[in-house]
N, C-alpha and C. Protein backbone atom coordinates (compact mmCIF):
# COMPACT_ATOMS: atom_id res chain seq x y z
N MET A 1 -87.01 -119.47 -14.71
CA MET A 1 -88.36 -118.96 -14.88
C MET A 1 -88.36 -117.95 -16.03
N GLN A 2 -89.42 -118.02 -16.83
CA GLN A 2 -89.56 -117.10 -17.95
C GLN A 2 -90.89 -116.37 -17.84
N LEU A 3 -90.93 -115.15 -18.37
CA LEU A 3 -92.16 -114.38 -18.45
C LEU A 3 -92.56 -114.26 -19.91
N TRP A 4 -93.73 -114.80 -20.24
CA TRP A 4 -94.28 -114.71 -21.59
C TRP A 4 -95.47 -113.76 -21.52
N VAL A 5 -95.47 -112.76 -22.39
CA VAL A 5 -96.49 -111.72 -22.37
C VAL A 5 -97.25 -111.71 -23.69
N GLY A 6 -98.56 -111.77 -23.61
CA GLY A 6 -99.40 -111.60 -24.78
C GLY A 6 -99.92 -110.17 -24.80
N LEU A 7 -99.74 -109.47 -25.92
CA LEU A 7 -100.19 -108.09 -26.00
C LEU A 7 -101.59 -107.99 -26.59
N GLY A 8 -102.37 -107.06 -26.05
CA GLY A 8 -103.72 -106.81 -26.53
C GLY A 8 -104.32 -105.67 -25.75
N ASN A 9 -105.57 -105.39 -26.03
CA ASN A 9 -106.33 -104.39 -25.30
C ASN A 9 -107.40 -105.10 -24.49
N PRO A 10 -107.61 -104.68 -23.23
CA PRO A 10 -108.60 -105.35 -22.39
C PRO A 10 -110.03 -104.99 -22.79
N GLY A 11 -110.93 -105.92 -22.57
CA GLY A 11 -112.34 -105.65 -22.82
C GLY A 11 -112.90 -106.49 -23.94
N PRO A 12 -114.15 -106.95 -23.77
CA PRO A 12 -114.75 -107.85 -24.76
C PRO A 12 -114.89 -107.23 -26.15
N GLN A 13 -115.01 -105.90 -26.23
CA GLN A 13 -115.17 -105.26 -27.54
C GLN A 13 -113.91 -105.36 -28.39
N TYR A 14 -112.75 -105.69 -27.77
CA TYR A 14 -111.49 -105.81 -28.50
C TYR A 14 -111.08 -107.27 -28.74
N ALA A 15 -111.84 -108.20 -28.19
CA ALA A 15 -111.41 -109.60 -28.13
C ALA A 15 -110.97 -110.18 -29.47
N MET A 16 -111.67 -109.88 -30.55
CA MET A 16 -111.33 -110.48 -31.85
C MET A 16 -110.57 -109.53 -32.78
N HIS A 17 -110.06 -108.43 -32.24
CA HIS A 17 -109.26 -107.52 -33.05
C HIS A 17 -107.93 -108.17 -33.42
N ARG A 18 -107.42 -107.84 -34.59
CA ARG A 18 -106.10 -108.33 -35.00
C ARG A 18 -105.03 -107.90 -34.00
N HIS A 19 -105.20 -106.71 -33.41
CA HIS A 19 -104.25 -106.18 -32.43
C HIS A 19 -104.20 -107.04 -31.17
N ASN A 20 -105.20 -107.90 -30.96
CA ASN A 20 -105.28 -108.72 -29.76
C ASN A 20 -104.79 -110.15 -29.96
N VAL A 21 -104.13 -110.43 -31.06
CA VAL A 21 -103.69 -111.79 -31.32
C VAL A 21 -102.67 -112.25 -30.27
N GLY A 22 -101.96 -111.33 -29.63
CA GLY A 22 -101.05 -111.70 -28.54
C GLY A 22 -101.80 -112.26 -27.34
N PHE A 23 -102.95 -111.64 -27.01
CA PHE A 23 -103.81 -112.18 -25.94
C PHE A 23 -104.29 -113.58 -26.33
N MET A 24 -104.69 -113.73 -27.59
CA MET A 24 -105.18 -115.03 -28.06
C MET A 24 -104.10 -116.10 -27.93
N ALA A 25 -102.86 -115.73 -28.26
CA ALA A 25 -101.74 -116.68 -28.14
C ALA A 25 -101.54 -117.09 -26.69
N ALA A 26 -101.56 -116.13 -25.78
CA ALA A 26 -101.38 -116.43 -24.35
C ALA A 26 -102.49 -117.36 -23.86
N ASP A 27 -103.74 -117.06 -24.24
CA ASP A 27 -104.87 -117.90 -23.81
C ASP A 27 -104.74 -119.32 -24.34
N THR A 28 -104.32 -119.45 -25.59
CA THR A 28 -104.19 -120.78 -26.20
C THR A 28 -103.08 -121.58 -25.52
N ILE A 29 -101.94 -120.94 -25.25
CA ILE A 29 -100.84 -121.63 -24.56
C ILE A 29 -101.31 -122.08 -23.17
N ALA A 30 -102.00 -121.20 -22.45
CA ALA A 30 -102.50 -121.55 -21.11
C ALA A 30 -103.45 -122.74 -21.17
N ASP A 31 -104.34 -122.75 -22.15
CA ASP A 31 -105.30 -123.85 -22.29
C ASP A 31 -104.61 -125.16 -22.64
N VAL A 32 -103.75 -125.13 -23.65
CA VAL A 32 -103.09 -126.35 -24.13
C VAL A 32 -102.18 -126.95 -23.07
N HIS A 33 -101.51 -126.10 -22.30
CA HIS A 33 -100.53 -126.58 -21.33
C HIS A 33 -101.07 -126.63 -19.90
N GLY A 34 -102.37 -126.42 -19.72
CA GLY A 34 -103.00 -126.59 -18.41
C GLY A 34 -102.51 -125.64 -17.33
N PHE A 35 -102.37 -124.37 -17.67
CA PHE A 35 -101.92 -123.38 -16.69
C PHE A 35 -102.98 -123.18 -15.61
N ALA A 36 -102.55 -122.70 -14.45
CA ALA A 36 -103.46 -122.36 -13.36
C ALA A 36 -104.37 -121.21 -13.80
N PRO A 37 -105.51 -121.05 -13.13
CA PRO A 37 -106.40 -119.93 -13.46
C PRO A 37 -105.67 -118.59 -13.30
N SER A 38 -106.13 -117.59 -14.03
CA SER A 38 -105.45 -116.29 -13.97
C SER A 38 -105.78 -115.57 -12.68
N GLN A 39 -104.80 -114.79 -12.23
CA GLN A 39 -104.94 -113.95 -11.05
C GLN A 39 -104.68 -112.51 -11.48
N LYS A 40 -105.35 -111.57 -10.84
CA LYS A 40 -105.12 -110.16 -11.13
C LYS A 40 -103.84 -109.75 -10.42
N LYS A 41 -102.79 -109.47 -11.20
CA LYS A 41 -101.49 -109.06 -10.65
C LYS A 41 -100.77 -108.21 -11.66
N PHE A 42 -99.93 -107.33 -11.16
CA PHE A 42 -99.04 -106.52 -12.02
C PHE A 42 -99.79 -105.77 -13.11
N SER A 43 -100.88 -105.14 -12.75
CA SER A 43 -101.70 -104.40 -13.74
C SER A 43 -102.08 -105.30 -14.91
N GLY A 44 -102.38 -106.56 -14.62
CA GLY A 44 -102.75 -107.49 -15.67
C GLY A 44 -103.29 -108.78 -15.09
N TRP A 45 -103.37 -109.79 -15.96
CA TRP A 45 -103.81 -111.12 -15.56
C TRP A 45 -102.62 -112.06 -15.71
N LEU A 46 -102.27 -112.74 -14.62
CA LEU A 46 -101.10 -113.62 -14.59
C LEU A 46 -101.53 -115.05 -14.39
N GLN A 47 -100.94 -115.96 -15.16
CA GLN A 47 -101.15 -117.40 -14.99
C GLN A 47 -99.80 -118.07 -14.88
N GLU A 48 -99.73 -119.07 -14.00
CA GLU A 48 -98.50 -119.82 -13.84
C GLU A 48 -98.70 -121.23 -14.38
N GLY A 49 -97.63 -121.75 -14.95
CA GLY A 49 -97.69 -123.11 -15.46
C GLY A 49 -96.34 -123.57 -15.95
N ARG A 50 -96.36 -124.69 -16.64
CA ARG A 50 -95.14 -125.24 -17.21
C ARG A 50 -95.36 -125.54 -18.69
N VAL A 51 -94.32 -125.28 -19.45
CA VAL A 51 -94.28 -125.69 -20.85
C VAL A 51 -93.08 -126.62 -20.90
N GLY A 52 -93.37 -127.92 -21.03
CA GLY A 52 -92.30 -128.89 -20.85
C GLY A 52 -91.84 -128.79 -19.40
N PRO A 53 -90.52 -128.84 -19.17
CA PRO A 53 -90.03 -128.75 -17.79
C PRO A 53 -89.88 -127.32 -17.27
N GLU A 54 -90.08 -126.33 -18.16
CA GLU A 54 -89.80 -124.93 -17.79
C GLU A 54 -91.00 -124.26 -17.14
N LYS A 55 -90.73 -123.52 -16.04
CA LYS A 55 -91.78 -122.74 -15.40
C LYS A 55 -91.97 -121.45 -16.19
N ILE A 56 -93.23 -121.20 -16.55
CA ILE A 56 -93.58 -120.03 -17.36
C ILE A 56 -94.65 -119.22 -16.63
N LEU A 57 -94.43 -117.92 -16.58
CA LEU A 57 -95.44 -116.99 -16.12
C LEU A 57 -96.03 -116.35 -17.37
N LEU A 58 -97.35 -116.43 -17.53
CA LEU A 58 -98.04 -115.84 -18.68
C LEU A 58 -98.76 -114.59 -18.20
N LEU A 59 -98.47 -113.46 -18.84
CA LEU A 59 -99.07 -112.20 -18.44
C LEU A 59 -99.81 -111.55 -19.60
N LYS A 60 -101.03 -111.12 -19.33
CA LYS A 60 -101.78 -110.29 -20.28
C LYS A 60 -101.99 -108.95 -19.58
N PRO A 61 -101.28 -107.91 -20.02
CA PRO A 61 -101.45 -106.61 -19.37
C PRO A 61 -102.89 -106.11 -19.48
N ALA A 62 -103.42 -105.60 -18.38
CA ALA A 62 -104.78 -105.05 -18.37
C ALA A 62 -104.76 -103.56 -18.71
N THR A 63 -103.57 -103.02 -18.86
CA THR A 63 -103.43 -101.65 -19.34
C THR A 63 -103.76 -101.67 -20.82
N PHE A 64 -104.01 -100.55 -21.42
CA PHE A 64 -104.16 -100.57 -22.86
C PHE A 64 -102.79 -100.76 -23.49
N MET A 65 -102.78 -101.10 -24.76
CA MET A 65 -101.56 -101.47 -25.48
C MET A 65 -100.40 -100.51 -25.22
N ASN A 66 -100.66 -99.21 -25.28
CA ASN A 66 -99.57 -98.24 -25.19
C ASN A 66 -99.00 -98.10 -23.78
N GLU A 67 -99.55 -98.83 -22.80
CA GLU A 67 -99.02 -98.84 -21.43
C GLU A 67 -98.55 -100.24 -21.01
N SER A 68 -98.41 -101.14 -21.95
CA SER A 68 -98.05 -102.53 -21.65
C SER A 68 -96.76 -102.64 -20.86
N GLY A 69 -95.82 -101.77 -21.12
CA GLY A 69 -94.52 -101.82 -20.45
C GLY A 69 -94.61 -101.67 -18.95
N ARG A 70 -95.62 -100.96 -18.49
CA ARG A 70 -95.79 -100.78 -17.04
C ARG A 70 -96.05 -102.13 -16.37
N ALA A 71 -96.98 -102.92 -16.91
CA ALA A 71 -97.30 -104.23 -16.34
C ALA A 71 -96.10 -105.17 -16.46
N VAL A 72 -95.46 -105.16 -17.62
CA VAL A 72 -94.31 -106.04 -17.84
C VAL A 72 -93.18 -105.72 -16.86
N SER A 73 -92.87 -104.45 -16.70
CA SER A 73 -91.75 -104.08 -15.82
C SER A 73 -92.08 -104.39 -14.36
N GLU A 74 -93.36 -104.24 -13.94
CA GLU A 74 -93.74 -104.61 -12.57
C GLU A 74 -93.46 -106.09 -12.31
N ALA A 75 -93.89 -106.94 -13.24
CA ALA A 75 -93.69 -108.39 -13.08
C ALA A 75 -92.20 -108.73 -13.10
N MET A 76 -91.46 -108.11 -14.00
CA MET A 76 -90.03 -108.42 -14.10
C MET A 76 -89.27 -108.01 -12.84
N ARG A 77 -89.62 -106.86 -12.29
CA ARG A 77 -88.98 -106.43 -11.05
C ARG A 77 -89.32 -107.37 -9.91
N PHE A 78 -90.58 -107.74 -9.78
CA PHE A 78 -91.02 -108.60 -8.69
C PHE A 78 -90.28 -109.95 -8.73
N TYR A 79 -90.16 -110.54 -9.92
CA TYR A 79 -89.53 -111.86 -10.04
C TYR A 79 -88.02 -111.77 -10.31
N LYS A 80 -87.49 -110.54 -10.32
CA LYS A 80 -86.05 -110.30 -10.54
C LYS A 80 -85.56 -110.95 -11.85
N LEU A 81 -86.32 -110.70 -12.92
CA LEU A 81 -85.99 -111.27 -14.22
C LEU A 81 -85.25 -110.24 -15.08
N GLU A 82 -84.37 -110.74 -15.92
CA GLU A 82 -83.64 -109.92 -16.88
C GLU A 82 -84.39 -109.95 -18.21
N PRO A 83 -84.12 -108.97 -19.11
CA PRO A 83 -84.82 -108.92 -20.39
C PRO A 83 -84.74 -110.21 -21.22
N HIS A 84 -83.64 -110.96 -21.10
CA HIS A 84 -83.54 -112.20 -21.90
C HIS A 84 -84.56 -113.26 -21.46
N ALA A 85 -85.18 -113.09 -20.29
CA ALA A 85 -86.19 -114.04 -19.80
C ALA A 85 -87.59 -113.68 -20.28
N LEU A 86 -87.70 -112.59 -21.05
CA LEU A 86 -89.00 -112.09 -21.50
C LEU A 86 -89.26 -112.47 -22.95
N THR A 87 -90.46 -112.99 -23.21
CA THR A 87 -90.95 -113.27 -24.56
C THR A 87 -92.29 -112.56 -24.73
N VAL A 88 -92.42 -111.79 -25.81
CA VAL A 88 -93.64 -111.03 -26.06
C VAL A 88 -94.30 -111.51 -27.35
N PHE A 89 -95.57 -111.86 -27.28
CA PHE A 89 -96.36 -112.28 -28.43
C PHE A 89 -97.16 -111.07 -28.91
N HIS A 90 -97.01 -110.71 -30.19
CA HIS A 90 -97.68 -109.50 -30.69
C HIS A 90 -98.03 -109.61 -32.16
N ASP A 91 -98.97 -108.77 -32.59
CA ASP A 91 -99.37 -108.69 -33.99
C ASP A 91 -98.27 -108.00 -34.79
N GLU A 92 -98.11 -108.42 -36.05
CA GLU A 92 -97.05 -107.88 -36.91
C GLU A 92 -97.61 -107.58 -38.29
N LEU A 93 -97.71 -106.29 -38.61
CA LEU A 93 -98.21 -105.85 -39.92
C LEU A 93 -97.31 -106.30 -41.07
N ASP A 94 -96.01 -106.34 -40.83
CA ASP A 94 -95.04 -106.61 -41.89
C ASP A 94 -94.81 -108.09 -42.15
N LEU A 95 -95.70 -108.94 -41.65
CA LEU A 95 -95.64 -110.38 -41.92
C LEU A 95 -96.97 -110.80 -42.53
N ALA A 96 -96.91 -111.72 -43.47
CA ALA A 96 -98.13 -112.24 -44.09
C ALA A 96 -99.05 -112.81 -43.01
N PRO A 97 -100.35 -112.74 -43.22
CA PRO A 97 -101.28 -113.27 -42.22
C PRO A 97 -100.96 -114.72 -41.85
N PHE A 98 -100.96 -114.96 -40.54
CA PHE A 98 -100.81 -116.29 -39.94
C PHE A 98 -99.39 -116.85 -40.05
N LYS A 99 -98.41 -116.04 -40.43
CA LYS A 99 -97.01 -116.45 -40.38
C LYS A 99 -96.50 -116.15 -38.97
N VAL A 100 -95.57 -116.95 -38.48
CA VAL A 100 -95.01 -116.78 -37.14
C VAL A 100 -93.50 -116.70 -37.26
N LYS A 101 -92.92 -115.63 -36.74
CA LYS A 101 -91.47 -115.45 -36.76
C LYS A 101 -91.00 -115.02 -35.38
N VAL A 102 -89.76 -115.37 -35.07
CA VAL A 102 -89.16 -114.98 -33.79
C VAL A 102 -88.04 -113.99 -34.08
N LYS A 103 -87.97 -112.99 -33.24
CA LYS A 103 -86.93 -111.97 -33.37
C LYS A 103 -86.45 -111.60 -31.98
N ARG A 104 -85.17 -111.38 -31.85
CA ARG A 104 -84.62 -110.92 -30.56
C ARG A 104 -84.11 -109.50 -30.72
N GLY A 105 -84.57 -108.64 -29.82
CA GLY A 105 -84.13 -107.25 -29.86
C GLY A 105 -84.63 -106.53 -31.09
N GLY A 106 -84.08 -105.35 -31.31
CA GLY A 106 -84.43 -104.58 -32.50
C GLY A 106 -85.41 -103.48 -32.22
N GLY A 107 -85.94 -102.91 -33.29
CA GLY A 107 -86.86 -101.78 -33.19
C GLY A 107 -88.27 -102.23 -32.89
N THR A 108 -89.17 -101.24 -32.86
CA THR A 108 -90.56 -101.53 -32.50
C THR A 108 -91.50 -101.46 -33.69
N ALA A 109 -91.01 -101.03 -34.85
CA ALA A 109 -91.80 -100.95 -36.09
C ALA A 109 -93.13 -100.22 -35.87
N GLY A 110 -93.14 -99.23 -35.00
CA GLY A 110 -94.35 -98.46 -34.76
C GLY A 110 -95.38 -99.13 -33.87
N HIS A 111 -95.06 -100.28 -33.30
CA HIS A 111 -96.01 -101.01 -32.45
C HIS A 111 -95.99 -100.39 -31.06
N ASN A 112 -97.13 -99.84 -30.63
CA ASN A 112 -97.18 -99.12 -29.36
C ASN A 112 -96.90 -99.99 -28.14
N GLY A 113 -97.32 -101.25 -28.17
CA GLY A 113 -97.04 -102.16 -27.06
C GLY A 113 -95.55 -102.43 -26.94
N LEU A 114 -94.90 -102.72 -28.06
CA LEU A 114 -93.45 -102.95 -28.04
C LEU A 114 -92.71 -101.69 -27.62
N ARG A 115 -93.16 -100.54 -28.11
CA ARG A 115 -92.51 -99.27 -27.76
C ARG A 115 -92.56 -99.05 -26.26
N SER A 116 -93.72 -99.33 -25.65
CA SER A 116 -93.88 -99.14 -24.21
C SER A 116 -92.95 -100.08 -23.43
N ILE A 117 -92.87 -101.34 -23.84
CA ILE A 117 -91.98 -102.30 -23.16
C ILE A 117 -90.54 -101.86 -23.32
N ASP A 118 -90.17 -101.46 -24.52
CA ASP A 118 -88.82 -100.98 -24.80
C ASP A 118 -88.47 -99.80 -23.88
N GLN A 119 -89.39 -98.87 -23.69
CA GLN A 119 -89.16 -97.71 -22.82
C GLN A 119 -88.94 -98.12 -21.37
N HIS A 120 -89.60 -99.19 -20.93
CA HIS A 120 -89.49 -99.62 -19.54
C HIS A 120 -88.30 -100.54 -19.27
N ILE A 121 -87.97 -101.42 -20.21
CA ILE A 121 -86.90 -102.40 -19.92
C ILE A 121 -85.81 -102.46 -20.98
N GLY A 122 -85.94 -101.72 -22.06
CA GLY A 122 -84.97 -101.79 -23.15
C GLY A 122 -85.40 -102.78 -24.22
N PRO A 123 -84.62 -102.86 -25.32
CA PRO A 123 -85.04 -103.64 -26.48
C PRO A 123 -84.62 -105.11 -26.48
N ASP A 124 -83.89 -105.57 -25.48
CA ASP A 124 -83.26 -106.89 -25.54
C ASP A 124 -84.15 -108.02 -25.04
N PHE A 125 -85.31 -108.17 -25.66
CA PHE A 125 -86.22 -109.26 -25.31
C PHE A 125 -86.66 -109.96 -26.60
N ARG A 126 -87.18 -111.18 -26.43
CA ARG A 126 -87.61 -111.98 -27.58
C ARG A 126 -89.04 -111.61 -27.95
N ARG A 127 -89.26 -111.48 -29.26
CA ARG A 127 -90.59 -111.15 -29.78
C ARG A 127 -91.08 -112.28 -30.67
N ILE A 128 -92.30 -112.71 -30.44
CA ILE A 128 -92.95 -113.69 -31.32
C ILE A 128 -93.90 -112.88 -32.18
N ARG A 129 -93.51 -112.72 -33.43
CA ARG A 129 -94.23 -111.86 -34.37
C ARG A 129 -95.32 -112.69 -35.05
N LEU A 130 -96.57 -112.32 -34.83
CA LEU A 130 -97.72 -113.05 -35.36
C LEU A 130 -98.30 -112.24 -36.52
N GLY A 131 -98.10 -112.74 -37.73
CA GLY A 131 -98.47 -111.99 -38.92
C GLY A 131 -99.95 -111.70 -39.04
N ILE A 132 -100.26 -110.43 -39.32
CA ILE A 132 -101.64 -110.04 -39.60
C ILE A 132 -101.75 -109.44 -41.01
N GLY A 133 -100.60 -109.26 -41.69
CA GLY A 133 -100.61 -108.67 -43.02
C GLY A 133 -100.82 -107.17 -42.94
N HIS A 134 -100.69 -106.52 -44.07
CA HIS A 134 -100.82 -105.06 -44.16
C HIS A 134 -102.02 -104.74 -45.06
N PRO A 135 -102.82 -103.75 -44.70
CA PRO A 135 -104.00 -103.44 -45.51
C PRO A 135 -103.67 -102.76 -46.84
N GLY A 136 -102.41 -102.44 -47.08
CA GLY A 136 -102.02 -101.87 -48.37
C GLY A 136 -101.65 -100.41 -48.34
N HIS A 137 -102.32 -99.61 -47.53
CA HIS A 137 -102.01 -98.19 -47.46
C HIS A 137 -101.96 -97.76 -46.00
N LYS A 138 -101.01 -96.90 -45.65
CA LYS A 138 -100.83 -96.52 -44.24
C LYS A 138 -102.07 -95.85 -43.65
N ASP A 139 -102.88 -95.19 -44.46
CA ASP A 139 -104.10 -94.56 -43.95
C ASP A 139 -105.13 -95.58 -43.47
N ARG A 140 -105.00 -96.83 -43.90
CA ARG A 140 -105.96 -97.86 -43.52
C ARG A 140 -105.48 -98.73 -42.36
N VAL A 141 -104.25 -98.49 -41.89
CA VAL A 141 -103.66 -99.37 -40.87
C VAL A 141 -104.47 -99.38 -39.57
N LEU A 142 -104.82 -98.22 -39.04
CA LEU A 142 -105.49 -98.17 -37.74
C LEU A 142 -106.81 -98.95 -37.75
N GLY A 143 -107.65 -98.72 -38.73
CA GLY A 143 -108.91 -99.44 -38.81
C GLY A 143 -108.72 -100.93 -39.00
N TYR A 144 -107.69 -101.30 -39.74
CA TYR A 144 -107.40 -102.71 -40.01
C TYR A 144 -106.93 -103.42 -38.73
N VAL A 145 -105.97 -102.82 -38.05
CA VAL A 145 -105.41 -103.41 -36.83
C VAL A 145 -106.46 -103.51 -35.74
N LEU A 146 -107.29 -102.47 -35.64
CA LEU A 146 -108.33 -102.45 -34.61
C LEU A 146 -109.65 -103.02 -35.13
N GLY A 147 -109.58 -103.77 -36.22
CA GLY A 147 -110.75 -104.44 -36.76
C GLY A 147 -110.75 -105.91 -36.38
N ASN A 148 -111.93 -106.50 -36.38
CA ASN A 148 -112.05 -107.93 -36.07
C ASN A 148 -111.53 -108.78 -37.23
N TYR A 149 -111.07 -109.97 -36.88
CA TYR A 149 -110.76 -110.95 -37.90
C TYR A 149 -112.04 -111.26 -38.68
N ALA A 150 -111.91 -111.46 -39.98
CA ALA A 150 -113.05 -111.83 -40.82
C ALA A 150 -113.41 -113.29 -40.56
N LYS A 151 -114.66 -113.64 -40.88
CA LYS A 151 -115.12 -115.02 -40.70
C LYS A 151 -114.20 -116.02 -41.41
N ALA A 152 -113.76 -115.66 -42.61
CA ALA A 152 -112.90 -116.55 -43.41
C ALA A 152 -111.51 -116.72 -42.80
N GLU A 153 -111.14 -115.85 -41.87
CA GLU A 153 -109.81 -115.93 -41.24
C GLU A 153 -109.81 -116.77 -39.96
N ILE A 154 -110.96 -117.14 -39.46
CA ILE A 154 -111.03 -117.81 -38.15
C ILE A 154 -110.33 -119.18 -38.18
N ASP A 155 -110.54 -119.99 -39.21
CA ASP A 155 -109.88 -121.30 -39.27
C ASP A 155 -108.36 -121.16 -39.35
N PRO A 156 -107.80 -120.32 -40.26
CA PRO A 156 -106.34 -120.18 -40.26
C PRO A 156 -105.80 -119.58 -38.96
N LEU A 157 -106.55 -118.69 -38.33
CA LEU A 157 -106.15 -118.12 -37.04
C LEU A 157 -106.07 -119.22 -35.98
N THR A 158 -107.11 -120.04 -35.94
CA THR A 158 -107.15 -121.15 -34.98
C THR A 158 -106.00 -122.11 -35.22
N ASP A 159 -105.71 -122.41 -36.49
CA ASP A 159 -104.59 -123.30 -36.82
C ASP A 159 -103.26 -122.71 -36.35
N MET A 160 -103.05 -121.41 -36.59
CA MET A 160 -101.80 -120.76 -36.19
C MET A 160 -101.64 -120.80 -34.67
N LEU A 161 -102.70 -120.45 -33.95
CA LEU A 161 -102.62 -120.43 -32.49
C LEU A 161 -102.38 -121.83 -31.94
N GLY A 162 -103.05 -122.82 -32.51
CA GLY A 162 -102.85 -124.20 -32.09
C GLY A 162 -101.43 -124.67 -32.35
N ALA A 163 -100.87 -124.30 -33.51
CA ALA A 163 -99.50 -124.71 -33.86
C ALA A 163 -98.50 -124.07 -32.91
N LEU A 164 -98.66 -122.80 -32.61
CA LEU A 164 -97.66 -122.17 -31.74
C LEU A 164 -97.75 -122.71 -30.32
N ALA A 165 -98.96 -123.03 -29.84
CA ALA A 165 -99.09 -123.62 -28.51
C ALA A 165 -98.50 -125.03 -28.48
N ALA A 166 -98.74 -125.80 -29.54
CA ALA A 166 -98.22 -127.17 -29.60
C ALA A 166 -96.70 -127.21 -29.63
N GLU A 167 -96.09 -126.21 -30.25
CA GLU A 167 -94.62 -126.18 -30.38
C GLU A 167 -93.96 -125.26 -29.36
N ALA A 168 -94.71 -124.75 -28.40
CA ALA A 168 -94.18 -123.79 -27.42
C ALA A 168 -93.02 -124.33 -26.59
N GLU A 169 -92.94 -125.65 -26.48
CA GLU A 169 -91.83 -126.22 -25.69
C GLU A 169 -90.48 -125.81 -26.27
N TRP A 170 -90.41 -125.64 -27.61
CA TRP A 170 -89.15 -125.20 -28.22
C TRP A 170 -88.79 -123.78 -27.80
N LEU A 171 -89.80 -122.94 -27.63
CA LEU A 171 -89.55 -121.59 -27.12
C LEU A 171 -89.03 -121.66 -25.69
N ALA A 172 -89.67 -122.50 -24.88
CA ALA A 172 -89.26 -122.64 -23.49
C ALA A 172 -87.82 -123.13 -23.39
N LYS A 173 -87.41 -123.97 -24.36
CA LYS A 173 -86.03 -124.49 -24.38
C LYS A 173 -85.07 -123.54 -25.08
N ASP A 174 -85.57 -122.38 -25.54
CA ASP A 174 -84.75 -121.37 -26.19
C ASP A 174 -84.27 -121.79 -27.57
N ASP A 175 -85.03 -122.65 -28.24
CA ASP A 175 -84.69 -123.09 -29.59
C ASP A 175 -85.65 -122.42 -30.58
N ASP A 176 -85.37 -121.15 -30.88
CA ASP A 176 -86.25 -120.36 -31.73
C ASP A 176 -86.37 -120.93 -33.14
N VAL A 177 -85.28 -121.42 -33.68
CA VAL A 177 -85.29 -121.95 -35.05
C VAL A 177 -86.18 -123.18 -35.14
N ARG A 178 -86.04 -124.10 -34.20
CA ARG A 178 -86.87 -125.31 -34.20
C ARG A 178 -88.35 -124.93 -34.03
N PHE A 179 -88.62 -123.95 -33.16
CA PHE A 179 -90.00 -123.48 -32.96
C PHE A 179 -90.58 -122.99 -34.28
N MET A 180 -89.87 -122.09 -34.96
CA MET A 180 -90.39 -121.54 -36.22
C MET A 180 -90.57 -122.62 -37.27
N ASN A 181 -89.59 -123.52 -37.38
CA ASN A 181 -89.68 -124.61 -38.37
C ASN A 181 -90.88 -125.52 -38.10
N ASP A 182 -91.05 -125.92 -36.83
CA ASP A 182 -92.11 -126.86 -36.51
C ASP A 182 -93.50 -126.22 -36.62
N VAL A 183 -93.61 -124.93 -36.29
CA VAL A 183 -94.88 -124.23 -36.49
C VAL A 183 -95.18 -124.17 -37.99
N ALA A 184 -94.19 -123.81 -38.79
CA ALA A 184 -94.39 -123.73 -40.25
C ALA A 184 -94.80 -125.08 -40.82
N LEU A 185 -94.17 -126.16 -40.35
CA LEU A 185 -94.53 -127.51 -40.84
C LEU A 185 -95.97 -127.85 -40.48
N ARG A 186 -96.40 -127.53 -39.28
CA ARG A 186 -97.79 -127.80 -38.88
C ARG A 186 -98.77 -127.02 -39.76
N LEU A 187 -98.39 -125.79 -40.14
CA LEU A 187 -99.30 -124.95 -40.89
C LEU A 187 -99.35 -125.29 -42.38
N THR A 188 -98.36 -126.05 -42.86
CA THR A 188 -98.37 -126.45 -44.28
C THR A 188 -98.87 -127.87 -44.45
N ALA A 189 -99.04 -128.59 -43.35
CA ALA A 189 -99.47 -129.99 -43.43
C ALA A 189 -100.93 -130.11 -43.79
């Protein structure tokens, strides 16, 4: 069993923020793979399903971003999961928009959701970095991250989310390289 977590902030006013692309990824995976309806559990919304033959628990923490670790650690304790069973989908400033990269362990690069999870369970979990690009100057980061995607970005966003959901079976099988390659191929086709 694996726990896949999409990071975001709860509430309709945040739904299209770049910071909520992790929630968008979780929703797309649940839709594409026919997950059960979400249930309120572990300070968040939990859905159960399968990606290929693997059982996956999808969690969207209902805490705000900087408290995400609380929801994640509750679920991990309940299901007796180790950090290697955790995959976190999150926005990444240091990646070009709509690029998808996988990283295991490492720092948090100032991401409050990752920092919170790291504080609760340590750094040894898989991260699916969803590129949002950088606004150019650090003074503009907060407004950019907490801003909505532009109309012109909706099609590439939809393509990226669709590609990662379509290739999610490689993540479930722990083949990060194949996942990244196949997502990239879908996005260049």
